[in-house]
């Protein structure tokens, strides 16, 4: 999950960790790719 993935960075000592679900952008990109392929 996005939050669990972000925790890996925190556990490794990284600071200012941001873990954001951008699935909506992924869906937009997939739809654009399908349109372009057509």
ModelCIF file with pLDDT and N, C-alpha, C, O atoms, coordinates in Angstrom:
data_MODEL
#
_entry.id   MODEL 
#
_entity.id                         1 
_entity.type                       polymer 
_entity.pdbx_number_of_molecules   1 
#
_entity_poly.entity_id                      1 
_entity_poly.type                           'polypeptide(L)' 
_entity_poly.nstd_linkage                   no 
_entity_poly.nstd_monomer                   no 
_entity_poly.pdbx_seq_one_letter_code       
;(UNK)(UNK)(UNK)(UNK)(UNK)(UNK)(UNK)(UNK)(UNK)(UNK)(UNK)(UNK)(UNK)(UNK)(UNK)(UNK)
(UNK)(UNK)(UNK)(UNK)(UNK)(UNK)(UNK)(UNK)(UNK)(UNK)(UNK)(UNK)(UNK)(UNK)(UNK)(UNK)
(UNK)(UNK)(UNK)(UNK)(UNK)(UNK)
;
_entity_poly.pdbx_seq_one_letter_code_can   XXXXXXXXXXXXXXXXXXXXXXXXXXXXXXXXXXXXXX 
_entity_poly.pdbx_strand_id                 A 
#
loop_
_entity_poly_seq.entity_id 
_entity_poly_seq.num 
_entity_poly_seq.mon_id 
_entity_poly_seq.hetero 
1 1  UNK n 
1 2  UNK n 
1 3  UNK n 
1 4  UNK n 
1 5  UNK n 
1 6  UNK n 
1 7  UNK n 
1 8  UNK n 
1 9  UNK n 
1 10 UNK n 
1 11 UNK n 
1 12 UNK n 
1 13 UNK n 
1 14 UNK n 
1 15 UNK n 
1 16 UNK n 
1 17 UNK n 
1 18 UNK n 
1 19 UNK n 
1 20 UNK n 
1 21 UNK n 
1 22 UNK n 
1 23 UNK n 
1 24 UNK n 
1 25 UNK n 
1 26 UNK n 
1 27 UNK n 
1 28 UNK n 
1 29 UNK n 
1 30 UNK n 
1 31 UNK n 
1 32 UNK n 
1 33 UNK n 
1 34 UNK n 
1 35 UNK n 
1 36 UNK n 
1 37 UNK n 
1 38 UNK n 
#
_struct_asym.id          A 
_struct_asym.entity_id   1 
#
loop_
_ma_qa_metric.id 
_ma_qa_metric.mode 
_ma_qa_metric.name 
_ma_qa_metric.software_group_id 
_ma_qa_metric.type 
1 global pLDDT . pLDDT 
2 local  pLDDT . pLDDT 
#
_ma_qa_metric_global.metric_id      1 
_ma_qa_metric_global.metric_value   97.32 
_ma_qa_metric_global.model_id       1 
_ma_qa_metric_global.ordinal_id     1 
#
loop_
_ma_qa_metric_local.label_asym_id 
_ma_qa_metric_local.label_comp_id 
_ma_qa_metric_local.label_seq_id 
_ma_qa_metric_local.metric_id 
_ma_qa_metric_local.metric_value 
_ma_qa_metric_local.model_id 
_ma_qa_metric_local.ordinal_id 
A UNK 1  2 98.00 1 1  
A UNK 2  2 98.00 1 2  
A UNK 3  2 97.00 1 3  
A UNK 4  2 97.00 1 4  
A UNK 5  2 98.00 1 5  
A UNK 6  2 97.00 1 6  
A UNK 7  2 97.00 1 7  
A UNK 8  2 97.00 1 8  
A UNK 9  2 97.00 1 9  
A UNK 10 2 97.00 1 10 
A UNK 11 2 97.00 1 11 
A UNK 12 2 95.00 1 12 
A UNK 13 2 95.00 1 13 
A UNK 14 2 97.00 1 14 
A UNK 15 2 96.00 1 15 
A UNK 16 2 97.00 1 16 
A UNK 17 2 98.00 1 17 
A UNK 18 2 98.00 1 18 
A UNK 19 2 98.00 1 19 
A UNK 20 2 98.00 1 20 
A UNK 21 2 98.00 1 21 
A UNK 22 2 98.00 1 22 
A UNK 23 2 98.00 1 23 
A UNK 24 2 97.00 1 24 
A UNK 25 2 97.00 1 25 
A UNK 26 2 98.00 1 26 
A UNK 27 2 98.00 1 27 
A UNK 28 2 98.00 1 28 
A UNK 29 2 97.00 1 29 
A UNK 30 2 98.00 1 30 
A UNK 31 2 98.00 1 31 
A UNK 32 2 98.00 1 32 
A UNK 33 2 97.00 1 33 
A UNK 34 2 98.00 1 34 
A UNK 35 2 98.00 1 35 
A UNK 36 2 97.00 1 36 
A UNK 37 2 97.00 1 37 
A UNK 38 2 96.00 1 38 
#
loop_
_atom_site.group_PDB 
_atom_site.id 
_atom_site.type_symbol 
_atom_site.label_atom_id 
_atom_site.label_alt_id 
_atom_site.label_comp_id 
_atom_site.label_asym_id 
_atom_site.label_entity_id 
_atom_site.label_seq_id 
_atom_site.pdbx_PDB_ins_code 
_atom_site.Cartn_x 
_atom_site.Cartn_y 
_atom_site.Cartn_z 
_atom_site.occupancy 
_atom_site.B_iso_or_equiv 
_atom_site.pdbx_formal_charge 
_atom_site.auth_seq_id 
_atom_site.auth_comp_id 
_atom_site.auth_asym_id 
_atom_site.auth_atom_id 
_atom_site.pdbx_PDB_model_num 
ATOM 1   N N  . UNK A 1 1  ? 0.851  -1.175 0.000   1.00 98.00 ? 1  UNK A N  1 
ATOM 2   C CA . UNK A 1 1  ? 0.000  0.000  0.000   1.00 98.00 ? 1  UNK A CA 1 
ATOM 3   C C  . UNK A 1 1  ? 0.899  1.241  0.000   1.00 98.00 ? 1  UNK A C  1 
ATOM 4   O O  . UNK A 1 1  ? 2.036  1.188  0.468   1.00 98.00 ? 1  UNK A O  1 
ATOM 5   N N  . UNK A 1 2  ? 0.389  2.339  -0.520  1.00 98.00 ? 2  UNK A N  1 
ATOM 6   C CA . UNK A 1 2  ? 1.192  3.562  -0.639  1.00 98.00 ? 2  UNK A CA 1 
ATOM 7   C C  . UNK A 1 2  ? 1.784  3.960  0.707   1.00 98.00 ? 2  UNK A C  1 
ATOM 8   O O  . UNK A 1 2  ? 2.971  4.275  0.788   1.00 98.00 ? 2  UNK A O  1 
ATOM 9   N N  . UNK A 1 3  ? 0.985  3.949  1.750   1.00 97.00 ? 3  UNK A N  1 
ATOM 10  C CA . UNK A 1 3  ? 1.490  4.370  3.066   1.00 97.00 ? 3  UNK A CA 1 
ATOM 11  C C  . UNK A 1 3  ? 2.590  3.432  3.570   1.00 97.00 ? 3  UNK A C  1 
ATOM 12  O O  . UNK A 1 3  ? 3.578  3.892  4.143   1.00 97.00 ? 3  UNK A O  1 
ATOM 13  N N  . UNK A 1 4  ? 2.427  2.127  3.362   1.00 97.00 ? 4  UNK A N  1 
ATOM 14  C CA . UNK A 1 4  ? 3.447  1.159  3.791   1.00 97.00 ? 4  UNK A CA 1 
ATOM 15  C C  . UNK A 1 4  ? 4.742  1.353  3.023   1.00 97.00 ? 4  UNK A C  1 
ATOM 16  O O  . UNK A 1 4  ? 5.829  1.233  3.587   1.00 97.00 ? 4  UNK A O  1 
ATOM 17  N N  . UNK A 1 5  ? 4.625  1.650  1.749   1.00 98.00 ? 5  UNK A N  1 
ATOM 18  C CA . UNK A 1 5  ? 5.805  1.913  0.918   1.00 98.00 ? 5  UNK A CA 1 
ATOM 19  C C  . UNK A 1 5  ? 6.534  3.138  1.467   1.00 98.00 ? 5  UNK A C  1 
ATOM 20  O O  . UNK A 1 5  ? 7.759  3.128  1.587   1.00 98.00 ? 5  UNK A O  1 
ATOM 21  N N  . UNK A 1 6  ? 5.794  4.185  1.798   1.00 97.00 ? 6  UNK A N  1 
ATOM 22  C CA . UNK A 1 6  ? 6.407  5.392  2.349   1.00 97.00 ? 6  UNK A CA 1 
ATOM 23  C C  . UNK A 1 6  ? 7.108  5.137  3.670   1.00 97.00 ? 6  UNK A C  1 
ATOM 24  O O  . UNK A 1 6  ? 8.131  5.756  3.967   1.00 97.00 ? 6  UNK A O  1 
ATOM 25  N N  . UNK A 1 7  ? 6.554  4.218  4.472   1.00 97.00 ? 7  UNK A N  1 
ATOM 26  C CA . UNK A 1 7  ? 7.163  3.895  5.762   1.00 97.00 ? 7  UNK A CA 1 
ATOM 27  C C  . UNK A 1 7  ? 8.553  3.284  5.606   1.00 97.00 ? 7  UNK A C  1 
ATOM 28  O O  . UNK A 1 7  ? 9.382  3.390  6.509   1.00 97.00 ? 7  UNK A O  1 
ATOM 29  N N  . UNK A 1 8  ? 8.807  2.653  4.479   1.00 97.00 ? 8  UNK A N  1 
ATOM 30  C CA . UNK A 1 8  ? 10.142 2.097  4.234   1.00 97.00 ? 8  UNK A CA 1 
ATOM 31  C C  . UNK A 1 8  ? 11.184 3.212  4.292   1.00 97.00 ? 8  UNK A C  1 
ATOM 32  O O  . UNK A 1 8  ? 12.248 3.043  4.888   1.00 97.00 ? 8  UNK A O  1 
ATOM 33  N N  . UNK A 1 9  ? 10.875 4.346  3.673   1.00 97.00 ? 9  UNK A N  1 
ATOM 34  C CA . UNK A 1 9  ? 11.816 5.471  3.672   1.00 97.00 ? 9  UNK A CA 1 
ATOM 35  C C  . UNK A 1 9  ? 12.003 6.030  5.084   1.00 97.00 ? 9  UNK A C  1 
ATOM 36  O O  . UNK A 1 9  ? 13.119 6.352  5.490   1.00 97.00 ? 9  UNK A O  1 
ATOM 37  N N  . UNK A 1 10 ? 10.900 6.140  5.824   1.00 97.00 ? 10 UNK A N  1 
ATOM 38  C CA . UNK A 1 10 ? 10.988 6.620  7.206   1.00 97.00 ? 10 UNK A CA 1 
ATOM 39  C C  . UNK A 1 10 ? 11.851 5.680  8.036   1.00 97.00 ? 10 UNK A C  1 
ATOM 40  O O  . UNK A 1 10 ? 12.707 6.123  8.802   1.00 97.00 ? 10 UNK A O  1 
ATOM 41  N N  . UNK A 1 11 ? 11.621 4.379  7.881   1.00 97.00 ? 11 UNK A N  1 
ATOM 42  C CA . UNK A 1 11 ? 12.395 3.384  8.626   1.00 97.00 ? 11 UNK A CA 1 
ATOM 43  C C  . UNK A 1 11 ? 13.881 3.423  8.273   1.00 97.00 ? 11 UNK A C  1 
ATOM 44  O O  . UNK A 1 11 ? 14.724 3.060  9.093   1.00 97.00 ? 11 UNK A O  1 
ATOM 45  N N  . UNK A 1 12 ? 14.200 3.856  7.072   1.00 95.00 ? 12 UNK A N  1 
ATOM 46  C CA . UNK A 1 12 ? 15.591 3.965  6.642   1.00 95.00 ? 12 UNK A CA 1 
ATOM 47  C C  . UNK A 1 12 ? 16.237 5.282  7.070   1.00 95.00 ? 12 UNK A C  1 
ATOM 48  O O  . UNK A 1 12 ? 17.402 5.534  6.761   1.00 95.00 ? 12 UNK A O  1 
ATOM 49  N N  . UNK A 1 13 ? 15.479 6.120  7.783   1.00 95.00 ? 13 UNK A N  1 
ATOM 50  C CA . UNK A 1 13 ? 16.032 7.356  8.311   1.00 95.00 ? 13 UNK A CA 1 
ATOM 51  C C  . UNK A 1 13 ? 15.854 8.577  7.426   1.00 95.00 ? 13 UNK A C  1 
ATOM 52  O O  . UNK A 1 13 ? 16.441 9.624  7.697   1.00 95.00 ? 13 UNK A O  1 
ATOM 53  N N  . UNK A 1 14 ? 15.065 8.464  6.384   1.00 97.00 ? 14 UNK A N  1 
ATOM 54  C CA . UNK A 1 14 ? 14.821 9.631  5.531   1.00 97.00 ? 14 UNK A CA 1 
ATOM 55  C C  . UNK A 1 14 ? 13.869 10.599 6.231   1.00 97.00 ? 14 UNK A C  1 
ATOM 56  O O  . UNK A 1 14 ? 13.071 10.199 7.078   1.00 97.00 ? 14 UNK A O  1 
ATOM 57  N N  . UNK A 1 15 ? 13.963 11.859 5.869   1.00 96.00 ? 15 UNK A N  1 
ATOM 58  C CA . UNK A 1 15 ? 13.147 12.929 6.457   1.00 96.00 ? 15 UNK A CA 1 
ATOM 59  C C  . UNK A 1 15 ? 12.178 13.466 5.408   1.00 96.00 ? 15 UNK A C  1 
ATOM 60  O O  . UNK A 1 15 ? 12.323 13.202 4.215   1.00 96.00 ? 15 UNK A O  1 
ATOM 61  N N  . UNK A 1 16 ? 11.197 14.217 5.870   1.00 97.00 ? 16 UNK A N  1 
ATOM 62  C CA . UNK A 1 16 ? 10.221 14.858 4.987   1.00 97.00 ? 16 UNK A CA 1 
ATOM 63  C C  . UNK A 1 16 ? 9.632  13.865 3.973   1.00 97.00 ? 16 UNK A C  1 
ATOM 64  O O  . UNK A 1 16 ? 9.475  14.172 2.791   1.00 97.00 ? 16 UNK A O  1 
ATOM 65  N N  . UNK A 1 17 ? 9.318  12.680 4.470   1.00 98.00 ? 17 UNK A N  1 
ATOM 66  C CA . UNK A 1 17 ? 8.786  11.633 3.600   1.00 98.00 ? 17 UNK A CA 1 
ATOM 67  C C  . UNK A 1 17 ? 7.359  11.974 3.194   1.00 98.00 ? 17 UNK A C  1 
ATOM 68  O O  . UNK A 1 17 ? 6.504  12.264 4.031   1.00 98.00 ? 17 UNK A O  1 
ATOM 69  N N  . UNK A 1 18 ? 7.129  11.933 1.896   1.00 98.00 ? 18 UNK A N  1 
ATOM 70  C CA . UNK A 1 18 ? 5.787  12.133 1.353   1.00 98.00 ? 18 UNK A CA 1 
ATOM 71  C C  . UNK A 1 18 ? 5.447  10.900 0.513   1.00 98.00 ? 18 UNK A C  1 
ATOM 72  O O  . UNK A 1 18 ? 6.188  10.532 -0.399  1.00 98.00 ? 18 UNK A O  1 
ATOM 73  N N  . UNK A 1 19 ? 4.326  10.276 0.831   1.00 98.00 ? 19 UNK A N  1 
ATOM 74  C CA . UNK A 1 19 ? 3.831  9.118  0.083   1.00 98.00 ? 19 UNK A CA 1 
ATOM 75  C C  . UNK A 1 19 ? 2.414  9.465  -0.347  1.00 98.00 ? 19 UNK A C  1 
ATOM 76  O O  . UNK A 1 19 ? 1.517  9.588  0.486   1.00 98.00 ? 19 UNK A O  1 
ATOM 77  N N  . UNK A 1 20 ? 2.216  9.623  -1.653  1.00 98.00 ? 20 UNK A N  1 
ATOM 78  C CA . UNK A 1 20 ? 0.947  10.119 -2.172  1.00 98.00 ? 20 UNK A CA 1 
ATOM 79  C C  . UNK A 1 20 ? 0.368  9.123  -3.164  1.00 98.00 ? 20 UNK A C  1 
ATOM 80  O O  . UNK A 1 20 ? 1.064  8.655  -4.065  1.00 98.00 ? 20 UNK A O  1 
ATOM 81  N N  . UNK A 1 21 ? -0.894 8.803  -2.997  1.00 98.00 ? 21 UNK A N  1 
ATOM 82  C CA . UNK A 1 21 ? -1.601 7.938  -3.939  1.00 98.00 ? 21 UNK A CA 1 
ATOM 83  C C  . UNK A 1 21 ? -1.986 8.786  -5.154  1.00 98.00 ? 21 UNK A C  1 
ATOM 84  O O  . UNK A 1 21 ? -2.816 9.689  -5.053  1.00 98.00 ? 21 UNK A O  1 
ATOM 85  N N  . UNK A 1 22 ? -1.379 8.486  -6.288  1.00 98.00 ? 22 UNK A N  1 
ATOM 86  C CA . UNK A 1 22 ? -1.673 9.217  -7.523  1.00 98.00 ? 22 UNK A CA 1 
ATOM 87  C C  . UNK A 1 22 ? -2.297 8.281  -8.571  1.00 98.00 ? 22 UNK A C  1 
ATOM 88  O O  . UNK A 1 22 ? -2.056 8.413  -9.771  1.00 98.00 ? 22 UNK A O  1 
ATOM 89  N N  . UNK A 1 23 ? -3.091 7.349  -8.086  1.00 98.00 ? 23 UNK A N  1 
ATOM 90  C CA . UNK A 1 23 ? -3.750 6.405  -8.982  1.00 98.00 ? 23 UNK A CA 1 
ATOM 91  C C  . UNK A 1 23 ? -4.616 7.129  -9.998  1.00 98.00 ? 23 UNK A C  1 
ATOM 92  O O  . UNK A 1 23 ? -4.719 6.692  -11.145 1.00 98.00 ? 23 UNK A O  1 
ATOM 93  N N  . UNK A 1 24 ? -5.242 8.230  -9.594  1.00 97.00 ? 24 UNK A N  1 
ATOM 94  C CA . UNK A 1 24 ? -6.072 8.988  -10.537 1.00 97.00 ? 24 UNK A CA 1 
ATOM 95  C C  . UNK A 1 24 ? -5.244 9.467  -11.736 1.00 97.00 ? 24 UNK A C  1 
ATOM 96  O O  . UNK A 1 24 ? -5.735 9.465  -12.865 1.00 97.00 ? 24 UNK A O  1 
ATOM 97  N N  . UNK A 1 25 ? -4.010 9.871  -11.501 1.00 97.00 ? 25 UNK A N  1 
ATOM 98  C CA . UNK A 1 25 ? -3.127 10.292 -12.592 1.00 97.00 ? 25 UNK A CA 1 
ATOM 99  C C  . UNK A 1 25 ? -2.739 9.095  -13.458 1.00 97.00 ? 25 UNK A C  1 
ATOM 100 O O  . UNK A 1 25 ? -2.671 9.209  -14.682 1.00 97.00 ? 25 UNK A O  1 
ATOM 101 N N  . UNK A 1 26 ? -2.487 7.962  -12.833 1.00 98.00 ? 26 UNK A N  1 
ATOM 102 C CA . UNK A 1 26 ? -2.169 6.729  -13.540 1.00 98.00 ? 26 UNK A CA 1 
ATOM 103 C C  . UNK A 1 26 ? -3.318 6.350  -14.475 1.00 98.00 ? 26 UNK A C  1 
ATOM 104 O O  . UNK A 1 26 ? -3.093 5.989  -15.630 1.00 98.00 ? 26 UNK A O  1 
ATOM 105 N N  . UNK A 1 27 ? -4.544 6.434  -13.970 1.00 98.00 ? 27 UNK A N  1 
ATOM 106 C CA . UNK A 1 27 ? -5.723 6.119  -14.777 1.00 98.00 ? 27 UNK A CA 1 
ATOM 107 C C  . UNK A 1 27 ? -5.824 7.085  -15.966 1.00 98.00 ? 27 UNK A C  1 
ATOM 108 O O  . UNK A 1 27 ? -6.105 6.662  -17.087 1.00 98.00 ? 27 UNK A O  1 
ATOM 109 N N  . UNK A 1 28 ? -5.599 8.365  -15.723 1.00 98.00 ? 28 UNK A N  1 
ATOM 110 C CA . UNK A 1 28 ? -5.623 9.349  -16.812 1.00 98.00 ? 28 UNK A CA 1 
ATOM 111 C C  . UNK A 1 28 ? -4.577 9.016  -17.875 1.00 98.00 ? 28 UNK A C  1 
ATOM 112 O O  . UNK A 1 28 ? -4.847 9.121  -19.071 1.00 98.00 ? 28 UNK A O  1 
ATOM 113 N N  . UNK A 1 29 ? -3.401 8.619  -17.443 1.00 97.00 ? 29 UNK A N  1 
ATOM 114 C CA . UNK A 1 29 ? -2.330 8.267  -18.385 1.00 97.00 ? 29 UNK A CA 1 
ATOM 115 C C  . UNK A 1 29 ? -2.690 7.025  -19.191 1.00 97.00 ? 29 UNK A C  1 
ATOM 116 O O  . UNK A 1 29 ? -2.472 6.983  -20.402 1.00 97.00 ? 29 UNK A O  1 
ATOM 117 N N  . UNK A 1 30 ? -3.237 6.016  -18.525 1.00 98.00 ? 30 UNK A N  1 
ATOM 118 C CA . UNK A 1 30 ? -3.651 4.804  -19.234 1.00 98.00 ? 30 UNK A CA 1 
ATOM 119 C C  . UNK A 1 30 ? -4.727 5.116  -20.269 1.00 98.00 ? 30 UNK A C  1 
ATOM 120 O O  . UNK A 1 30 ? -4.672 4.623  -21.396 1.00 98.00 ? 30 UNK A O  1 
ATOM 121 N N  . UNK A 1 31 ? -5.694 5.926  -19.891 1.00 98.00 ? 31 UNK A N  1 
ATOM 122 C CA . UNK A 1 31 ? -6.765 6.301  -20.832 1.00 98.00 ? 31 UNK A CA 1 
ATOM 123 C C  . UNK A 1 31 ? -6.204 7.082  -22.013 1.00 98.00 ? 31 UNK A C  1 
ATOM 124 O O  . UNK A 1 31 ? -6.635 6.885  -23.149 1.00 98.00 ? 31 UNK A O  1 
ATOM 125 N N  . UNK A 1 32 ? -5.251 7.961  -21.753 1.00 98.00 ? 32 UNK A N  1 
ATOM 126 C CA . UNK A 1 32 ? -4.615 8.729  -22.826 1.00 98.00 ? 32 UNK A CA 1 
ATOM 127 C C  . UNK A 1 32 ? -3.820 7.804  -23.753 1.00 98.00 ? 32 UNK A C  1 
ATOM 128 O O  . UNK A 1 32 ? -3.844 7.976  -24.971 1.00 98.00 ? 32 UNK A O  1 
ATOM 129 N N  . UNK A 1 33 ? -3.123 6.834  -23.182 1.00 97.00 ? 33 UNK A N  1 
ATOM 130 C CA . UNK A 1 33 ? -2.360 5.882  -23.990 1.00 97.00 ? 33 UNK A CA 1 
ATOM 131 C C  . UNK A 1 33 ? -3.291 5.051  -24.878 1.00 97.00 ? 33 UNK A C  1 
ATOM 132 O O  . UNK A 1 33 ? -2.990 4.812  -26.047 1.00 97.00 ? 33 UNK A O  1 
ATOM 133 N N  . UNK A 1 34 ? -4.410 4.619  -24.323 1.00 98.00 ? 34 UNK A N  1 
ATOM 134 C CA . UNK A 1 34 ? -5.371 3.850  -25.116 1.00 98.00 ? 34 UNK A CA 1 
ATOM 135 C C  . UNK A 1 34 ? -5.916 4.675  -26.279 1.00 98.00 ? 34 UNK A C  1 
ATOM 136 O O  . UNK A 1 34 ? -6.049 4.179  -27.398 1.00 98.00 ? 34 UNK A O  1 
ATOM 137 N N  . UNK A 1 35 ? -6.225 5.920  -26.003 1.00 98.00 ? 35 UNK A N  1 
ATOM 138 C CA . UNK A 1 35 ? -6.733 6.811  -27.058 1.00 98.00 ? 35 UNK A CA 1 
ATOM 139 C C  . UNK A 1 35 ? -5.675 7.004  -28.144 1.00 98.00 ? 35 UNK A C  1 
ATOM 140 O O  . UNK A 1 35 ? -5.975 6.942  -29.337 1.00 98.00 ? 35 UNK A O  1 
ATOM 141 N N  . UNK A 1 36 ? -4.443 7.237  -27.718 1.00 97.00 ? 36 UNK A N  1 
ATOM 142 C CA . UNK A 1 36 ? -3.347 7.452  -28.671 1.00 97.00 ? 36 UNK A CA 1 
ATOM 143 C C  . UNK A 1 36 ? -3.096 6.196  -29.506 1.00 97.00 ? 36 UNK A C  1 
ATOM 144 O O  . UNK A 1 36 ? -2.863 6.288  -30.711 1.00 97.00 ? 36 UNK A O  1 
ATOM 145 N N  . UNK A 1 37 ? -3.142 5.031  -28.872 1.00 97.00 ? 37 UNK A N  1 
ATOM 146 C CA . UNK A 1 37 ? -2.932 3.783  -29.612 1.00 97.00 ? 37 UNK A CA 1 
ATOM 147 C C  . UNK A 1 37 ? -3.991 3.605  -30.687 1.00 97.00 ? 37 UNK A C  1 
ATOM 148 O O  . UNK A 1 37 ? -3.700 3.142  -31.790 1.00 97.00 ? 37 UNK A O  1 
ATOM 149 N N  . UNK A 1 38 ? -5.210 3.974  -30.361 1.00 96.00 ? 38 UNK A N  1 
ATOM 150 C CA . UNK A 1 38 ? -6.286 3.878  -31.347 1.00 96.00 ? 38 UNK A CA 1 
ATOM 151 C C  . UNK A 1 38 ? -5.994 4.802  -32.539 1.00 96.00 ? 38 UNK A C  1 
ATOM 152 O O  . UNK A 1 38 ? -6.786 4.864  -33.480 1.00 96.00 ? 38 UNK A O  1 
#
